[in-house]
């Protein structure tokens, strides 16, 4: 059951697409839940964060330890740990983090909205995260690693020519 009546929770950032992970690497990222509504969120002792989709085997989420109500305007951090398998091929895995409420029976869960989209890139060649639509807003795009190549173009080149360092360098 989706709690459409609970739109006062927001994820910060609204999307998680970290830089690529080399096979066997592990990184941690902090995301946050923000109460953007006018009232405290009082169900917090029963809230958990869960990964869904292709990302599930690679992500662990710390127990946020919600013990008190999340007050209006308050932000609570959640640590997300990402581990690439040692034999990870060049690939992108997509999924989402969802906020769930454990019911009194301890098993049934109800979803809050919205979900946090997550995109993981596994690559032996270091790559910036996918900039998404923000990278297409102007001609210069986004170049987070300051190498003179738009992040979306850099990713396109590596995924298009994974076996040829010579072609990647020429492009």
Protein backbone atom coordinates (compact mmCIF):
# COMPACT_ATOMS: atom_id res chain seq x y z
CA UNK A 1 0.00 0.00 0.00
CA UNK A 2 1.48 3.34 -1.01
CA UNK A 3 0.93 6.25 1.32
CA UNK A 4 -0.01 8.83 -1.27
CA UNK A 5 -1.25 11.02 1.56
CA UNK A 6 2.32 11.38 2.86
CA UNK A 7 4.06 13.64 0.32
CA UNK A 8 5.79 15.59 3.07
CA UNK A 9 8.91 13.39 2.96
CA UNK A 10 11.66 14.31 0.49
CA UNK A 11 15.01 12.71 -0.30
CA UNK A 12 18.11 14.90 -0.39
CA UNK A 13 19.55 14.66 -2.99
CA UNK A 14 16.57 13.71 -5.18
CA UNK A 15 18.73 11.16 -7.07
CA UNK A 16 21.85 9.13 -6.20
CA UNK A 17 24.32 8.44 -9.03
CA UNK A 18 27.81 8.23 -7.52
CA UNK A 19 31.07 7.97 -9.47
CA UNK A 20 31.86 4.51 -10.81
CA UNK A 21 33.13 1.74 -8.59
CA UNK A 22 35.97 -0.54 -9.60
CA UNK A 23 35.44 -4.27 -9.08
CA UNK A 24 35.76 -5.10 -5.38
CA UNK A 25 35.55 -1.45 -4.25
CA UNK A 26 33.28 -0.15 -1.51
CA UNK A 27 32.07 3.41 -0.94
CA UNK A 28 29.69 5.12 1.45
CA UNK A 29 27.30 7.93 0.67
CA UNK A 30 25.02 9.96 2.89
CA UNK A 31 21.52 10.73 1.75
CA UNK A 32 18.87 12.35 3.88
CA UNK A 33 15.18 12.29 4.55
CA UNK A 34 13.68 15.71 5.00
CA UNK A 35 10.28 16.41 6.52
CA UNK A 36 8.98 19.12 4.20
CA UNK A 37 5.48 18.97 5.64
CA UNK A 38 3.85 21.09 8.30
CA UNK A 39 3.63 18.33 10.95
CA UNK A 40 6.11 16.02 12.69
CA UNK A 41 6.43 12.50 11.31
CA UNK A 42 5.70 10.49 14.43
CA UNK A 43 5.95 6.91 13.06
CA UNK A 44 9.75 7.10 13.09
CA UNK A 45 10.54 4.16 15.44
CA UNK A 46 8.95 1.88 12.83
CA UNK A 47 10.65 3.32 9.73
CA UNK A 48 13.26 1.46 7.70
CA UNK A 49 15.03 2.18 4.39
CA UNK A 50 15.29 -0.63 1.85
CA UNK A 51 16.99 -0.99 -1.56
CA UNK A 52 14.96 -2.35 -4.47
CA UNK A 53 15.69 -3.30 -8.06
CA UNK A 54 19.00 -4.25 -9.67
CA UNK A 55 20.94 -2.40 -6.95
CA UNK A 56 19.71 -4.64 -4.13
CA UNK A 57 22.70 -7.04 -3.96
CA UNK A 58 25.20 -4.17 -3.91
CA UNK A 59 23.67 -1.82 -1.32
CA UNK A 60 23.37 -1.94 2.42
CA UNK A 61 21.65 0.82 4.33
CA UNK A 62 22.46 1.54 7.93
CA UNK A 63 19.62 1.37 10.39
CA UNK A 64 18.75 5.06 10.42
CA UNK A 65 17.92 4.71 14.10
CA UNK A 66 14.84 6.89 13.88
CA UNK A 67 13.90 7.14 17.53
CA UNK A 68 12.09 10.44 17.76
CA UNK A 69 9.59 12.18 15.53
CA UNK A 70 11.13 13.95 12.55
CA UNK A 71 10.03 17.53 13.07
CA UNK A 72 8.80 19.76 10.25
CA UNK A 73 11.87 21.05 8.41
CA UNK A 74 14.20 18.51 10.03
CA UNK A 75 16.63 16.41 7.97
CA UNK A 76 17.84 12.97 9.08
CA UNK A 77 20.90 11.38 7.43
CA UNK A 78 21.02 7.82 6.16
CA UNK A 79 24.30 6.09 5.24
CA UNK A 80 24.27 4.00 2.07
CA UNK A 81 27.16 1.59 1.52
CA UNK A 82 27.83 0.36 -2.02
CA UNK A 83 30.03 -2.67 -2.75
CA UNK A 84 30.98 -3.76 -6.26
CA UNK A 85 31.55 -7.49 -6.68
CA UNK A 86 35.17 -8.50 -7.42
CA UNK A 87 34.18 -9.75 -10.88
CA UNK A 88 31.87 -6.85 -11.78
CA UNK A 89 31.77 -6.25 -15.54
CA UNK A 90 31.32 -2.78 -17.04
CA UNK A 91 27.66 -2.19 -16.26
CA UNK A 92 25.00 0.11 -14.86
CA UNK A 93 22.54 -1.09 -12.23
CA UNK A 94 19.36 0.84 -11.43
CA UNK A 95 16.96 0.73 -8.54
CA UNK A 96 15.63 2.84 -5.72
CA UNK A 97 15.63 3.34 -2.01
CA UNK A 98 12.24 3.21 -0.37
CA UNK A 99 11.08 4.30 3.05
CA UNK A 100 8.95 1.64 4.71
CA UNK A 101 6.87 1.47 7.86
CA UNK A 102 6.93 -1.82 9.72
CA UNK A 103 3.46 -2.63 10.97
CA UNK A 104 2.62 -4.15 14.32
CA UNK A 105 2.77 -7.72 12.95
CA UNK A 106 6.48 -7.09 12.22
CA UNK A 107 6.26 -8.43 8.68
CA UNK A 108 3.95 -6.27 6.61
CA UNK A 109 5.38 -3.04 5.31
CA UNK A 110 3.77 0.01 3.81
CA UNK A 111 5.62 2.37 1.48
CA UNK A 112 5.99 6.09 1.87
CA UNK A 113 6.49 8.21 -1.22
CA UNK A 114 8.61 9.38 -2.96
CA UNK A 115 11.34 6.82 -3.68
CA UNK A 116 15.01 7.75 -4.20
CA UNK A 117 16.25 6.69 -7.68
CA UNK A 118 19.73 5.12 -7.56
CA UNK A 119 22.09 4.38 -10.45
CA UNK A 120 25.34 2.47 -9.86
CA UNK A 121 28.12 2.18 -12.43
CA UNK A 122 30.73 -0.58 -12.21
CA UNK A 123 33.84 0.11 -14.27
CA UNK A 124 37.58 -0.53 -14.16
CA UNK A 125 37.93 2.87 -15.86
CA UNK A 126 37.10 5.67 -13.39
CA UNK A 127 33.91 7.41 -14.50
CA UNK A 128 31.88 10.27 -13.06
CA UNK A 129 28.28 9.57 -12.09
CA UNK A 130 25.63 9.98 -14.76
CA UNK A 131 24.56 13.65 -14.63
CA UNK A 132 21.07 12.77 -15.87
CA UNK A 133 18.93 15.52 -17.36
CA UNK A 134 20.97 18.22 -15.60
CA UNK A 135 23.88 17.39 -17.90
CA UNK A 136 21.80 18.19 -20.98
CA UNK A 137 20.61 21.65 -19.99
CA UNK A 138 23.28 23.50 -21.97
CA UNK A 139 26.07 22.87 -24.46
CA UNK A 140 28.83 22.69 -21.84
CA UNK A 141 26.98 20.08 -19.79
CA UNK A 142 28.49 18.91 -16.52
CA UNK A 143 32.17 18.00 -16.09
CA UNK A 144 32.56 16.99 -12.43
CA UNK A 145 36.10 15.61 -12.80
CA UNK A 146 37.31 18.71 -14.71
CA UNK A 147 38.97 16.74 -17.51
CA UNK A 148 37.44 18.85 -20.28
CA UNK A 149 34.90 16.20 -21.33
CA UNK A 150 31.21 16.34 -20.45
CA UNK A 151 30.35 13.55 -18.01
CA UNK A 152 27.60 12.13 -20.24
CA UNK A 153 29.95 12.07 -23.26
CA UNK A 154 32.74 10.50 -21.20
CA UNK A 155 30.38 7.72 -20.10
CA UNK A 156 29.14 7.25 -23.68
CA UNK A 157 32.72 6.80 -24.92
CA UNK A 158 33.68 4.26 -22.23
CA UNK A 159 30.50 2.22 -22.70
CA UNK A 160 30.82 2.41 -26.50
CA UNK A 161 34.48 1.35 -26.62
CA UNK A 162 35.23 -0.59 -23.42
CA UNK A 163 37.95 -2.74 -25.03
CA UNK A 164 39.87 -0.05 -26.93
CA UNK A 165 41.91 2.45 -24.91
CA UNK A 166 43.23 3.87 -28.18
CA UNK A 167 39.73 4.72 -29.49
CA UNK A 168 38.66 6.13 -26.13
CA UNK A 169 41.70 8.41 -26.04
CA UNK A 170 41.11 9.56 -29.63
CA UNK A 171 37.49 10.36 -28.89
